[in-house]
Amino acid sequence: MQAKYLQQGSQAKILSTGQIVEVRRVSNHGFSVVRFQTGGDYMILNDRLETVSEEEVRH
């Protein structure tokens, strides 16, 4: 995963848990600030995130 594929306001999936999060900010230093659907903003490394394709269905 490269940071250039993460965009502010887009959705991403945490690789280890499969949770869908909203990308709030992307840093050039290798991490992003994400917001969980249950609330709260957290910093996470970009290599732990994967972009979500439009055709993926959330339950």
Protein backbone atom coordinates (compact mmCIF):
# COMPACT_ATOMS: atom_id res chain seq x y z
CA MET A 1 0.00 0.00 0.00
CA GLN A 2 1.35 3.38 -0.93
CA ALA A 3 0.16 6.62 0.64
CA LYS A 4 -0.62 8.14 -2.75
CA TYR A 5 -3.68 5.86 -3.02
CA LEU A 6 -5.13 7.10 0.28
CA GLN A 7 -7.15 10.29 -0.03
CA GLN A 8 -8.68 12.51 2.58
CA GLY A 9 -12.41 11.80 2.88
CA SER A 10 -12.19 8.35 1.29
CA GLN A 11 -12.75 5.01 2.98
CA ALA A 12 -10.11 2.45 3.79
CA LYS A 13 -10.01 -0.99 5.37
CA ILE A 14 -7.70 -1.93 8.26
CA LEU A 15 -5.87 -5.03 7.04
CA SER A 16 -5.61 -6.78 10.42
CA THR A 17 -9.28 -6.42 11.44
CA GLY A 18 -11.19 -5.76 8.22
CA GLN A 19 -12.86 -2.67 9.73
CA ILE A 20 -13.89 0.12 7.37
CA VAL A 21 -12.70 3.57 8.44
CA GLU A 22 -12.89 7.09 7.01
CA VAL A 23 -9.55 8.70 6.15
CA ARG A 24 -9.45 12.12 7.82
CA ARG A 25 -5.84 13.17 7.04
CA VAL A 26 -2.93 11.62 5.15
CA SER A 27 0.65 12.43 6.15
CA ASN A 28 3.75 12.21 3.99
CA HIS A 29 5.49 10.68 7.00
CA GLY A 30 3.83 7.26 6.71
CA PHE A 31 0.67 7.53 8.78
CA SER A 32 -2.94 8.66 8.46
CA VAL A 33 -5.60 9.89 10.86
CA VAL A 34 -8.72 7.75 10.52
CA ARG A 35 -12.19 7.88 12.05
CA PHE A 36 -13.91 4.68 13.12
CA GLN A 37 -17.64 4.24 12.45
CA THR A 38 -18.18 3.90 16.21
CA GLY A 39 -16.46 7.26 16.75
CA GLY A 40 -12.99 8.50 17.55
CA ASP A 41 -10.01 9.61 15.49
CA TYR A 42 -6.78 7.61 15.62
CA MET A 43 -3.40 7.60 13.89
CA ILE A 44 -2.50 4.43 11.99
CA LEU A 45 0.38 3.50 9.72
CA ASN A 46 -0.40 3.72 6.01
CA ASP A 47 0.94 0.22 5.36
CA ARG A 48 -1.79 -1.15 7.67
CA LEU A 49 -4.54 0.33 5.45
CA GLU A 50 -6.01 -0.77 2.14
CA THR A 51 -8.20 1.32 -0.13
CA VAL A 52 -11.82 0.19 -0.43
CA SER A 53 -13.23 -0.38 -3.90
CA GLU A 54 -16.61 1.10 -4.78
CA GLU A 55 -18.26 -2.28 -5.40
CA GLU A 56 -17.55 -3.62 -1.91
CA VAL A 57 -20.76 -4.02 0.11
CA ARG A 58 -20.81 -3.08 3.81
CA HIS A 59 -23.15 -4.89 6.19
